[in-house]
C-alpha atoms as a PDB file:
ATOM      1  CA  MET A   1      40.537 208.311  49.582  1.00  0.00           C
ATOM      2  CA  ILE A   2      43.204 207.119  47.114  1.00  0.00           C
ATOM      3  CA  TRP A   3      46.361 205.601  48.464  1.00  0.00           C
ATOM      4  CA  GLY A   4      48.948 208.053  48.941  1.00  0.00           C
ATOM      5  CA  TYR A   5      46.700 211.056  48.236  1.00  0.00           C
ATOM      6  CA  PRO A   6      44.552 211.787  51.157  1.00  0.00           C
ATOM      7  CA  ASP A   7      43.309 215.136  49.815  1.00  0.00           C
ATOM      8  CA  ILE A   8      41.722 213.705  46.712  1.00  0.00           C
ATOM      9  CA  PRO A   9      38.177 212.535  46.565  1.00  0.00           C
ATOM     10  CA  SER A  10      37.775 208.956  45.651  1.00  0.00           C
ATOM     11  CA  GLY A  11      36.137 209.679  42.347  1.00  0.00           C
ATOM     12  CA  PHE A  12      39.611 211.079  40.990  1.00  0.00           C
ATOM     13  CA  CYS A  13      42.203 208.649  40.129  1.00  0.00           C
ATOM     14  CA  ILE A  14      45.919 209.469  40.294  1.00  0.00           C
ATOM     15  CA  LEU A  15      47.719 206.884  38.333  1.00  0.00           C
ATOM     16  CA  MET A  16      50.885 206.217  40.286  1.00  0.00           C
ATOM     17  CA  PRO A  17      54.286 205.715  38.490  1.00  0.00           C
ATOM     18  CA  THR A  18      55.118 202.072  38.059  1.00  0.00           C
ATOM     19  CA  VAL A  19      58.019 202.578  40.559  1.00  0.00           C
ATOM     20  CA  PRO A  20      57.043 205.437  42.968  1.00  0.00           C
ATOM     21  CA  ASN A  21      59.867 207.511  44.307  1.00  0.00           C
ATOM     22  CA  ASP A  22      60.245 209.389  47.553  1.00  0.00           C
ATOM     23  CA  ARG A  23      59.649 212.800  45.825  1.00  0.00           C
ATOM     24  CA  THR A  24      56.321 211.707  44.432  1.00  0.00           C
ATOM     25  CA  ALA A  25      55.084 210.403  47.733  1.00  0.00           C
ATOM     26  CA  HIS A  26      55.708 213.871  49.432  1.00  0.00           C
ATOM     27  CA  ALA A  27      53.832 216.113  47.009  1.00  0.00           C
ATOM     28  CA  ALA A  28      50.449 215.476  45.525  1.00  0.00           C
ATOM     29  CA  PRO A  29      48.069 217.555  43.650  1.00  0.00           C
ATOM     30  CA  SER A  30      44.987 218.635  45.460  1.00  0.00           C
ATOM     31  CA  MET A  31      41.759 217.922  43.390  1.00  0.00           C
ATOM     32  CA  TRP A  32      37.944 218.405  44.021  1.00  0.00           C
ATOM     33  CA  SER A  33      34.754 218.166  42.302  1.00  0.00           C
ATOM     34  CA  VAL A  34      31.190 219.428  42.829  1.00  0.00           C
ATOM     35  CA  ARG A  35      27.851 218.805  41.195  1.00  0.00           C
ATOM     36  CA  PRO A  36      26.290 221.953  39.750  1.00  0.00           C
ATOM     37  CA  ALA A  37      22.980 223.093  40.980  1.00  0.00           C
ATOM     38  CA  PRO A  38      19.899 222.763  38.979  1.00  0.00           C
ATOM     39  CA  PRO A  39      19.105 223.723  36.252  1.00  0.00           C
ATOM     40  CA  LEU A  40      22.893 223.330  35.258  1.00  0.00           C
ATOM     41  CA  ASP A  41      23.167 219.717  36.228  1.00  0.00           C
ATOM     42  CA  ALA A  42      21.183 218.917  33.061  1.00  0.00           C
ATOM     43  CA  TYR A  43      24.042 220.194  30.972  1.00  0.00           C
ATOM     44  CA  ILE A  44      27.166 220.201  33.110  1.00  0.00           C
ATOM     45  CA  ASP A  45      28.731 216.941  34.511  1.00  0.00           C
ATOM     46  CA  ARG A  46      30.859 218.752  37.141  1.00  0.00           C
ATOM     47  CA  ILE A  47      32.730 221.805  38.187  1.00  0.00           C
ATOM     48  CA  TRP A  48      36.204 220.666  39.335  1.00  0.00           C
ATOM     49  CA  GLY A  49      39.716 221.955  40.006  1.00  0.00           C
ATOM     50  CA  MET A  50      43.211 221.246  40.958  1.00  0.00           C
ATOM     51  CA  SER A  51      46.020 223.072  42.750  1.00  0.00           C
ATOM     52  CA  TYR A  52      49.701 221.967  43.003  1.00  0.00           C
ATOM     53  CA  HIS A  53      52.672 224.028  43.977  1.00  0.00           C
ATOM     54  CA  ALA A  54      55.956 222.111  44.444  1.00  0.00           C
ATOM     55  CA  GLN A  55      59.592 222.060  43.075  1.00  0.00           C
ATOM     56  CA  THR A  56      59.036 218.570  41.272  1.00  0.00           C
ATOM     57  CA  PRO A  57      56.758 218.981  38.252  1.00  0.00           C
ATOM     58  CA  VAL A  58      53.762 216.690  38.107  1.00  0.00           C
ATOM     59  CA  ALA A  59      53.019 214.744  34.917  1.00  0.00           C
ATOM     60  CA  LEU A  60      49.901 215.848  33.335  1.00  0.00           C
ATOM     61  CA  PRO A  61      47.739 213.774  31.254  1.00  0.00           C
ATOM     62  CA  ARG A  62      47.469 213.255  27.514  1.00  0.00           C
ATOM     63  CA  ILE A  63      44.022 214.704  26.613  1.00  0.00           C
ATOM     64  CA  LEU A  64      42.393 212.076  24.461  1.00  0.00           C
ATOM     65  CA  PRO A  65      39.573 212.636  21.928  1.00  0.00           C
ATOM     66  CA  GLY A  66      36.137 212.522  23.402  1.00  0.00           C
ATOM     67  CA  THR A  67      32.571 213.686  23.034  1.00  0.00           C
ATOM     68  CA  GLY A  68      32.198 216.454  25.632  1.00  0.00           C
ATOM     69  CA  ALA A  69      33.944 219.823  26.155  1.00  0.00           C
ATOM     70  CA  GLU A  70      35.885 221.457  29.013  1.00  0.00           C
ATOM     71  CA  MET A  71      36.290 224.937  30.014  1.00  0.00           C
ATOM     72  CA  PHE A  72      39.453 225.844  32.111  1.00  0.00           C
ATOM     73  CA  VAL A  73      40.226 229.037  34.077  1.00  0.00           C
ATOM     74  CA  HIS A  74      43.906 229.124  35.274  1.00  0.00           C
ATOM     75  CA  PHE A  75      44.911 231.142  38.339  1.00  0.00           C
ATOM     76  CA  GLY A  76      48.480 229.774  38.302  1.00  0.00           C
ATOM     77  CA  GLN A  77      50.658 228.544  35.286  1.00  0.00           C
ATOM     78  CA  PRO A  78      48.452 227.776  32.261  1.00  0.00           C
ATOM     79  CA  PHE A  79      48.932 224.454  30.427  1.00  0.00           C
ATOM     80  CA  SER A  80      51.645 223.938  27.843  1.00  0.00           C
ATOM     81  CA  ALA A  81      51.246 221.258  25.276  1.00  0.00           C
ATOM     82  CA  VAL A  82      53.156 219.606  22.494  1.00  0.00           C
ATOM     83  CA  THR A  83      51.458 220.061  19.114  1.00  0.00           C
ATOM     84  CA  ASP A  84      51.218 217.655  16.200  1.00  0.00           C
ATOM     85  CA  THR A  85      54.236 219.268  14.721  1.00  0.00           C
ATOM     86  CA  GLY A  86      56.407 218.765  17.980  1.00  0.00           C
ATOM     87  CA  ALA A  87      56.390 222.434  18.797  1.00  0.00           C
ATOM     88  CA  ILE A  88      55.549 223.533  22.393  1.00  0.00           C
ATOM     89  CA  ASP A  89      52.377 225.723  22.588  1.00  0.00           C
ATOM     90  CA  VAL A  90      51.300 227.709  25.803  1.00  0.00           C
ATOM     91  CA  LEU A  91      47.483 227.528  25.938  1.00  0.00           C
ATOM     92  CA  PRO A  92      45.430 230.673  26.694  1.00  0.00           C
ATOM     93  CA  ARG A  93      45.082 231.212  30.537  1.00  0.00           C
ATOM     94  CA  ASN A  94      41.253 230.853  30.077  1.00  0.00           C
ATOM     95  CA  HIS A  95      40.262 228.393  27.338  1.00  0.00           C
ATOM     96  CA  LEU A  96      37.846 225.819  26.103  1.00  0.00           C
ATOM     97  CA  LEU A  97      38.916 222.367  24.967  1.00  0.00           C
ATOM     98  CA  CYS A  98      36.715 220.345  22.604  1.00  0.00           C
ATOM     99  CA  VAL A  99      39.114 217.658  21.333  1.00  0.00           C
ATOM    100  CA  ARG A 100      37.618 215.217  18.677  1.00  0.00           C
ATOM    101  CA  ASN A 101      40.440 214.277  16.196  1.00  0.00           C
ATOM    102  CA  VAL A 102      43.705 214.797  17.953  1.00  0.00           C
ATOM    103  CA  CYS A 103      45.433 214.043  21.233  1.00  0.00           C
ATOM    104  CA  LEU A 104      46.915 216.940  23.318  1.00  0.00           C
ATOM    105  CA  ASP A 105      50.079 216.101  25.285  1.00  0.00           C
ATOM    106  CA  LEU A 106      50.066 218.445  28.286  1.00  0.00           C
ATOM    107  CA  LEU A 107      53.635 219.067  29.644  1.00  0.00           C
ATOM    108  CA  PRO A 108      54.523 218.579  33.291  1.00  0.00           C
ATOM    109  CA  SER A 109      53.927 221.579  35.592  1.00  0.00           C
ATOM    110  CA  SER A 110      54.923 222.563  39.227  1.00  0.00           C
ATOM    111  CA  ASN A 111      52.534 225.536  39.503  1.00  0.00           C
ATOM    112  CA  LEU A 112      48.888 224.604  38.866  1.00  0.00           C
ATOM    113  CA  ASP A 113      45.765 226.301  40.170  1.00  0.00           C
ATOM    114  CA  PHE A 114      42.656 226.087  37.849  1.00  0.00           C
ATOM    115  CA  ILE A 115      38.909 225.612  37.886  1.00  0.00           C
ATOM    116  CA  ALA A 116      37.264 223.813  35.075  1.00  0.00           C
ATOM    117  CA  VAL A 117      33.668 222.969  33.889  1.00  0.00           C
ATOM    118  CA  ARG A 118      32.948 219.680  32.186  1.00  0.00           C
ATOM    119  CA  PHE A 119      30.026 219.928  29.891  1.00  0.00           C
ATOM    120  CA  LYS A 120      27.969 216.851  28.998  1.00  0.00           C
ATOM    121  CA  SER A 121      27.920 215.584  25.496  1.00  0.00           C
ATOM    122  CA  GLY A 122      25.813 217.610  23.253  1.00  0.00           C
ATOM    123  CA  CYS A 123      25.286 220.486  25.790  1.00  0.00           C
ATOM    124  CA  ILE A 124      28.095 222.987  25.346  1.00  0.00           C
ATOM    125  CA  LEU A 125      26.161 224.757  22.570  1.00  0.00           C
ATOM    126  CA  ARG A 126      23.582 226.025  25.204  1.00  0.00           C
ATOM    127  CA  PHE A 127      26.589 228.350  26.338  1.00  0.00           C
ATOM    128  CA  LEU A 128      28.478 229.236  23.132  1.00  0.00           C
ATOM    129  CA  ASP A 129      28.403 232.193  20.858  1.00  0.00           C
ATOM    130  CA  GLN A 130      29.400 230.091  17.908  1.00  0.00           C
ATOM    131  CA  SER A 131      28.974 226.640  16.319  1.00  0.00           C
ATOM    132  CA  LEU A 132      30.614 223.714  17.899  1.00  0.00           C
ATOM    133  CA  GLY A 133      32.615 222.748  14.885  1.00  0.00           C
ATOM    134  CA  GLU A 134      34.672 225.909  15.202  1.00  0.00           C
ATOM    135  CA  CYS A 135      35.934 224.711  18.574  1.00  0.00           C
ATOM    136  CA  PHE A 136      37.230 221.431  17.591  1.00  0.00           C
ATOM    137  CA  ASP A 137      40.812 220.260  18.283  1.00  0.00           C
ATOM    138  CA  HIS A 138      42.488 223.540  19.297  1.00  0.00           C
ATOM    139  CA  PRO A 139      42.291 225.426  22.487  1.00  0.00           C
ATOM    140  CA  LEU A 140      39.989 228.373  22.131  1.00  0.00           C
ATOM    141  CA  SER A 141      40.135 231.450  24.304  1.00  0.00           C
ATOM    142  CA  LEU A 142      37.016 232.190  26.248  1.00  0.00           C
ATOM    143  CA  ASP A 143      36.977 235.587  24.666  1.00  0.00           C
ATOM    144  CA  ASP A 144      36.489 233.890  21.306  1.00  0.00           C
ATOM    145  CA  ALA A 145      34.152 231.119  22.586  1.00  0.00           C
ATOM    146  CA  MET A 146      31.890 233.315  24.799  1.00  0.00           C
ATOM    147  CA  GLY A 147      32.443 236.876  23.477  1.00  0.00           C
ATOM    148  CA  HIS A 148      32.372 239.817  25.825  1.00  0.00           C
ATOM    149  CA  ALA A 149      30.700 237.865  28.504  1.00  0.00           C
ATOM    150  CA  GLY A 150      33.655 235.500  28.607  1.00  0.00           C
ATOM    151  CA  THR A 151      35.908 238.493  29.250  1.00  0.00           C
ATOM    152  CA  VAL A 152      33.738 239.789  32.114  1.00  0.00           C
ATOM    153  CA  LEU A 153      33.659 236.355  33.751  1.00  0.00           C
ATOM    154  CA  MET A 154      37.443 236.144  33.720  1.00  0.00           C
ATOM    155  CA  ASP A 155      37.841 239.467  35.295  1.00  0.00           C
ATOM    156  CA  ARG A 156      35.346 238.661  38.089  1.00  0.00           C
ATOM    157  CA  LEU A 157      36.890 235.210  38.673  1.00  0.00           C
ATOM    158  CA  HIS A 158      40.450 236.601  38.979  1.00  0.00           C
ATOM    159  CA  GLY A 159      39.162 239.182  41.181  1.00  0.00           C
ATOM    160  CA  VAL A 160      37.987 236.989  43.983  1.00  0.00           C
ATOM    161  CA  SER A 161      39.855 234.206  46.034  1.00  0.00           C
ATOM    162  CA  GLY A 162      38.692 230.909  47.464  1.00  0.00           C
ATOM    163  CA  ARG A 163      37.129 227.980  45.827  1.00  0.00           C
ATOM    164  CA  ASP A 164      33.661 228.366  47.223  1.00  0.00           C
ATOM    165  CA  ARG A 165      33.308 232.060  45.992  1.00  0.00           C
ATOM    166  CA  ARG A 166      34.603 231.072  42.507  1.00  0.00           C
ATOM    167  CA  VAL A 167      32.330 228.132  42.091  1.00  0.00           C
ATOM    168  CA  ALA A 168      29.296 230.391  43.280  1.00  0.00           C
ATOM    169  CA  LEU A 169      30.309 233.058  40.755  1.00  0.00           C
ATOM    170  CA  LEU A 170      30.823 230.627  38.001  1.00  0.00           C
ATOM    171  CA  GLU A 171      27.419 228.984  38.639  1.00  0.00           C
ATOM    172  CA  GLU A 172      25.615 232.299  38.537  1.00  0.00           C
ATOM    173  CA  TRP A 173      27.452 233.233  35.280  1.00  0.00           C
ATOM    174  CA  LEU A 174      26.395 229.870  33.699  1.00  0.00           C
ATOM    175  CA  LYS A 175      22.820 230.132  34.713  1.00  0.00           C
ATOM    176  CA  ASN A 176      22.708 233.539  33.016  1.00  0.00           C
ATOM    177  CA  ARG A 177      24.255 232.097  29.793  1.00  0.00           C
ATOM    178  CA  LEU A 178      21.658 229.200  29.787  1.00  0.00           C
ATOM    179  CA  GLN A 179      19.282 230.262  27.124  1.00  0.00           C
ATOM    180  CA  ARG A 180      17.737 228.819  24.070  1.00  0.00           C
ATOM    181  CA  ARG A 181      19.966 229.556  21.156  1.00  0.00           C
ATOM    182  CA  ALA A 182      18.895 229.409  17.489  1.00  0.00           C
ATOM    183  CA  TRP A 183      21.392 226.537  16.560  1.00  0.00           C
ATOM    184  CA  PHE A 184      20.771 224.437  19.745  1.00  0.00           C
ATOM    185  CA  ASP A 185      18.373 221.441  19.059  1.00  0.00           C
ATOM    186  CA  PRO A 186      17.437 219.689  22.325  1.00  0.00           C
ATOM    187  CA  ARG A 187      16.245 216.644  20.301  1.00  0.00           C
ATOM    188  CA  MET A 188      19.825 216.249  19.045  1.00  0.00           C
ATOM    189  CA  ALA A 189      21.278 216.682  22.545  1.00  0.00           C
ATOM    190  CA  TRP A 190      18.993 213.877  23.581  1.00  0.00           C
ATOM    191  CA  ALA A 191      20.265 211.906  20.650  1.00  0.00           C
ATOM    192  CA  THR A 192      23.876 212.354  21.679  1.00  0.00           C
ATOM    193  CA  ARG A 193      23.124 210.898  25.125  1.00  0.00           C
ATOM    194  CA  GLU A 194      21.382 207.816  23.483  1.00  0.00           C
ATOM    195  CA  LEU A 195      24.392 207.196  21.243  1.00  0.00           C
ATOM    196  CA  TYR A 196      26.832 207.508  24.092  1.00  0.00           C
ATOM    197  CA  TYR A 197      25.002 205.267  26.573  1.00  0.00           C
ATOM    198  CA  THR A 198      23.229 202.635  24.322  1.00  0.00           C
ATOM    199  CA  SER A 199      24.413 200.243  21.695  1.00  0.00           C
ATOM    200  CA  GLY A 200      21.403 200.542  19.283  1.00  0.00           C
ATOM    201  CA  GLY A 201      21.740 201.366  15.535  1.00  0.00           C
ATOM    202  CA  ILE A 202      21.354 204.751  14.000  1.00  0.00           C
ATOM    203  CA  GLN A 203      18.321 203.602  12.054  1.00  0.00           C
ATOM    204  CA  ALA A 204      16.670 202.460  15.206  1.00  0.00           C
ATOM    205  CA  LEU A 205      17.422 205.793  16.886  1.00  0.00           C
ATOM    206  CA  ALA A 206      16.043 207.641  13.871  1.00  0.00           C
ATOM    207  CA  ASP A 207      12.742 205.461  14.177  1.00  0.00           C
ATOM    208  CA  ARG A 208      12.410 206.237  17.807  1.00  0.00           C
ATOM    209  CA  MET A 209      12.741 209.900  17.134  1.00  0.00           C
ATOM    210  CA  GLY A 210      10.256 209.837  14.193  1.00  0.00           C
ATOM    211  CA  LEU A 211      12.908 211.019  11.783  1.00  0.00           C
ATOM    212  CA  GLY A 212      14.289 209.591   8.590  1.00  0.00           C
ATOM    213  CA  ARG A 213      17.924 208.390   8.848  1.00  0.00           C
ATOM    214  CA  ARG A 214      19.257 210.979   6.622  1.00  0.00           C
ATOM    215  CA  GLN A 215      17.253 213.641   8.229  1.00  0.00           C
ATOM    216  CA  LEU A 216      18.738 212.555  11.672  1.00  0.00           C
ATOM    217  CA  GLU A 217      22.247 212.539  10.096  1.00  0.00           C
ATOM    218  CA  ARG A 218      21.925 216.039   8.778  1.00  0.00           C
ATOM    219  CA  ARG A 219      20.467 217.555  12.016  1.00  0.00           C
ATOM    220  CA  PHE A 220      22.920 215.792  14.191  1.00  0.00           C
ATOM    221  CA  LYS A 221      26.113 216.798  12.275  1.00  0.00           C
ATOM    222  CA  ALA A 222      24.806 220.446  12.077  1.00  0.00           C
ATOM    223  CA  GLN A 223      24.815 220.513  15.730  1.00  0.00           C
ATOM    224  CA  GLU A 224      27.558 218.213  16.920  1.00  0.00           C
ATOM    225  CA  GLY A 225      29.981 218.702  13.929  1.00  0.00           C
ATOM    226  CA  LEU A 226      30.089 214.786  13.634  1.00  0.00           C
ATOM    227  CA  SER A 227      28.025 212.258  12.088  1.00  0.00           C
ATOM    228  CA  PRO A 228      26.028 209.969  14.390  1.00  0.00           C
ATOM    229  CA  VAL A 229      28.295 207.023  13.352  1.00  0.00           C
ATOM    230  CA  ALA A 230      31.544 208.940  14.012  1.00  0.00           C
ATOM    231  CA  PHE A 231      30.011 210.140  17.445  1.00  0.00           C
ATOM    232  CA  ARG A 232      29.196 206.655  18.635  1.00  0.00           C
ATOM    233  CA  GLN A 233      32.637 205.370  17.504  1.00  0.00           C
ATOM    234  CA  LEU A 234      34.192 208.137  19.647  1.00  0.00           C
ATOM    235  CA  ALA A 235      31.921 207.478  22.449  1.00  0.00           C
ATOM    236  CA  ARG A 236      32.898 203.898  22.559  1.00  0.00           C
ATOM    237  CA  PHE A 237      36.538 204.876  22.518  1.00  0.00           C
ATOM    238  CA  GLN A 238      36.078 207.318  25.337  1.00  0.00           C
ATOM    239  CA  ARG A 239      34.079 205.082  27.639  1.00  0.00           C
ATOM    240  CA  THR A 240      36.626 202.187  27.125  1.00  0.00           C
ATOM    241  CA  ALA A 241      39.678 204.461  27.637  1.00  0.00           C
ATOM    242  CA  LYS A 242      38.167 206.033  30.843  1.00  0.00           C
ATOM    243  CA  THR A 243      37.671 202.537  32.292  1.00  0.00           C
ATOM    244  CA  LEU A 244      41.086 201.259  31.481  1.00  0.00           C
ATOM    245  CA  LEU A 245      42.712 204.386  32.788  1.00  0.00           C
ATOM    246  CA  LEU A 246      40.671 204.602  36.079  1.00  0.00           C
ATOM    247  CA  ASP A 247      40.993 200.809  36.701  1.00  0.00           C
ATOM    248  CA  PRO A 248      44.264 199.668  35.086  1.00  0.00           C
ATOM    249  CA  MET A 249      43.809 196.014  36.324  1.00  0.00           C
ATOM    250  CA  GLN A 250      40.706 195.572  34.123  1.00  0.00           C
ATOM    251  CA  PRO A 251      41.199 193.057  31.478  1.00  0.00           C
ATOM    252  CA  LEU A 252      41.673 194.713  28.185  1.00  0.00           C
ATOM    253  CA  ILE A 253      39.709 192.469  25.964  1.00  0.00           C
ATOM    254  CA  GLN A 254      36.717 192.069  28.149  1.00  0.00           C
ATOM    255  CA  THR A 255      36.489 195.794  28.716  1.00  0.00           C
ATOM    256  CA  GLY A 256      36.581 196.322  25.048  1.00  0.00           C
ATOM    257  CA  LEU A 257      33.678 193.689  24.501  1.00  0.00           C
ATOM    258  CA  ASP A 258      31.697 195.327  27.343  1.00  0.00           C
ATOM    259  CA  PHE A 259      31.723 198.674  25.527  1.00  0.00           C
ATOM    260  CA  GLY A 260      30.717 197.198  22.122  1.00  0.00           C
ATOM    261  CA  PHE A 261      33.992 196.248  20.317  1.00  0.00           C
ATOM    262  CA  ALA A 262      33.403 193.097  18.171  1.00  0.00           C
ATOM    263  CA  ASP A 263      36.712 191.527  19.165  1.00  0.00           C
ATOM    264  CA  GLN A 264      40.430 192.446  19.992  1.00  0.00           C
ATOM    265  CA  ALA A 265      41.405 193.322  16.464  1.00  0.00           C
ATOM    266  CA  HIS A 266      38.498 195.779  16.193  1.00  0.00           C
ATOM    267  CA  MET A 267      39.443 197.399  19.509  1.00  0.00           C
ATOM    268  CA  VAL A 268      43.137 197.791  18.649  1.00  0.00           C
ATOM    269  CA  ARG A 269      42.406 199.198  15.265  1.00  0.00           C
ATOM    270  CA  GLU A 270      40.030 201.741  16.578  1.00  0.00           C
ATOM    271  CA  PHE A 271      42.345 202.944  19.329  1.00  0.00           C
ATOM    272  CA  HIS A 272      45.150 203.231  17.003  1.00  0.00           C
ATOM    273  CA  ALA A 273      42.973 205.291  14.558  1.00  0.00           C
ATOM    274  CA  ILE A 274      41.829 207.603  17.327  1.00  0.00           C
ATOM    275  CA  ALA A 275      44.777 207.826  19.731  1.00  0.00           C
ATOM    276  CA  GLY A 276      47.676 206.546  17.777  1.00  0.00           C
ATOM    277  CA  ARG A 277      48.274 203.734  20.293  1.00  0.00           C
ATOM    278  CA  THR A 278      47.120 200.275  21.048  1.00  0.00           C
ATOM    279  CA  PRO A 279      44.891 200.075  24.252  1.00  0.00           C
ATOM    280  CA  GLU A 280      47.771 198.358  26.141  1.00  0.00           C
ATOM    281  CA  ARG A 281      50.345 200.898  25.158  1.00  0.00           C
ATOM    282  CA  LEU A 282      48.004 203.850  25.918  1.00  0.00           C
ATOM    283  CA  ARG A 283      47.361 202.306  29.390  1.00  0.00           C
ATOM    284  CA  ASP A 284      50.995 201.708  30.099  1.00  0.00           C
ATOM    285  CA  GLU A 285      52.086 205.278  29.034  1.00  0.00           C
ATOM    286  CA  MET A 286      49.407 206.957  31.211  1.00  0.00           C
ATOM    287  CA  ARG A 287      50.337 205.016  34.454  1.00  0.00           C
ATOM    288  CA  ALA A 288      52.924 207.636  35.317  1.00  0.00           C
ATOM    289  CA  ARG A 289      50.536 210.635  34.672  1.00  0.00           C
ATOM    290  CA  LEU A 290      47.562 212.221  36.238  1.00  0.00           C
ATOM    291  CA  THR A 291      44.186 211.566  34.588  1.00  0.00           C
ATOM    292  CA  PHE A 292      41.506 213.998  34.392  1.00  0.00           C
ATOM    293  CA  TYR A 293      38.948 211.170  34.132  1.00  0.00           C
ATOM    294  CA  CYS A 294      36.804 210.571  37.173  1.00  0.00           C
ATOM    295  CA  ARG A 295      34.077 208.226  38.460  1.00  0.00           C
ATOM    296  CA  SER A 296      30.426 209.625  38.339  1.00  0.00           C
ATOM    297  CA  SER A 297      30.036 209.256  42.095  1.00  0.00           C
ATOM    298  CA  SER A 298      32.770 211.843  43.059  1.00  0.00           C
ATOM    299  CA  HIS A 299      30.584 215.029  43.225  1.00  0.00           C
ATOM    300  CA  GLN A 300      30.271 216.896  46.369  1.00  0.00           C
ATOM    301  CA  ARG A 301      28.462 220.091  46.980  1.00  0.00           C
ATOM    302  CA  ILE A 302      30.316 222.927  48.863  1.00  0.00           C
ATOM    303  CA  ALA A 303      28.735 225.500  51.156  1.00  0.00           C
ATOM    304  CA  ALA A 304      28.777 228.590  48.866  1.00  0.00           C
ATOM    305  CA  SER A 305      27.035 227.008  46.090  1.00  0.00           C
ATOM    306  CA  PRO A 306      23.179 226.911  45.903  1.00  0.00           C
ATOM    307  CA  THR A 307      21.793 223.690  47.277  1.00  0.00           C
ATOM    308  CA  ALA A 308      20.581 221.024  44.905  1.00  0.00           C
END
């Protein structure tokens, strides 16, 4: 349990405002997370959701660049976001987010009810009808991302009520989508996880895979839309930012060193290049917002879903 938010599993972190007020203490979003059943758990990190209905809007996060992808289905008010030009854009009610090069500032909302699927790095292509690069940096409607099957899913999800039934329906649909696609290279999906979790060099990874470096770079970029070097840089930023936002008391410099930054200047330079902010400023700005980051141990199965 998180202090002040008894309905939220401990794997989710709500970043309290620096000076909590009475209105914040009386209304809190309800969040949940479940582990998908096999074989989906090899490709999907979690299925999760949030509901919030109150007079006082809740501050939603700034979506930071990362290495995965997220599918959102809204039953309440869809997200609104501030674009790079400063305009306010209402996102599609059902959409895919695959943010790599921009930040997406979600506006506060007082009417939230959504279910989301968080895909692991390198795995969203098992479910798409198009290349990954076409999905980067702008909300893509599920009709465009999944074709007619996406439309059918949305109609079915909006036709049922209750978290358990929606999760079971969503898992069934995802299993039916799980098939070998011409543009999905399982070896490159493995390479993304190696780059995400290890600090070895690109040449060492190519050697382990029995590939030349240029061959690895060409195949990796064809699938992920990024070079291995750019992906590793983004993964390092994502893992560091996640730790700092979930555990705000963590020392900045040591956290950066733990995730592979050479020194403070390296960390500050890379954060500014990716998020337009220093690590300290980013952490301070996010204190008064929700974060969609969560710890790995937060999964819980629910009754209507198949058992693991």
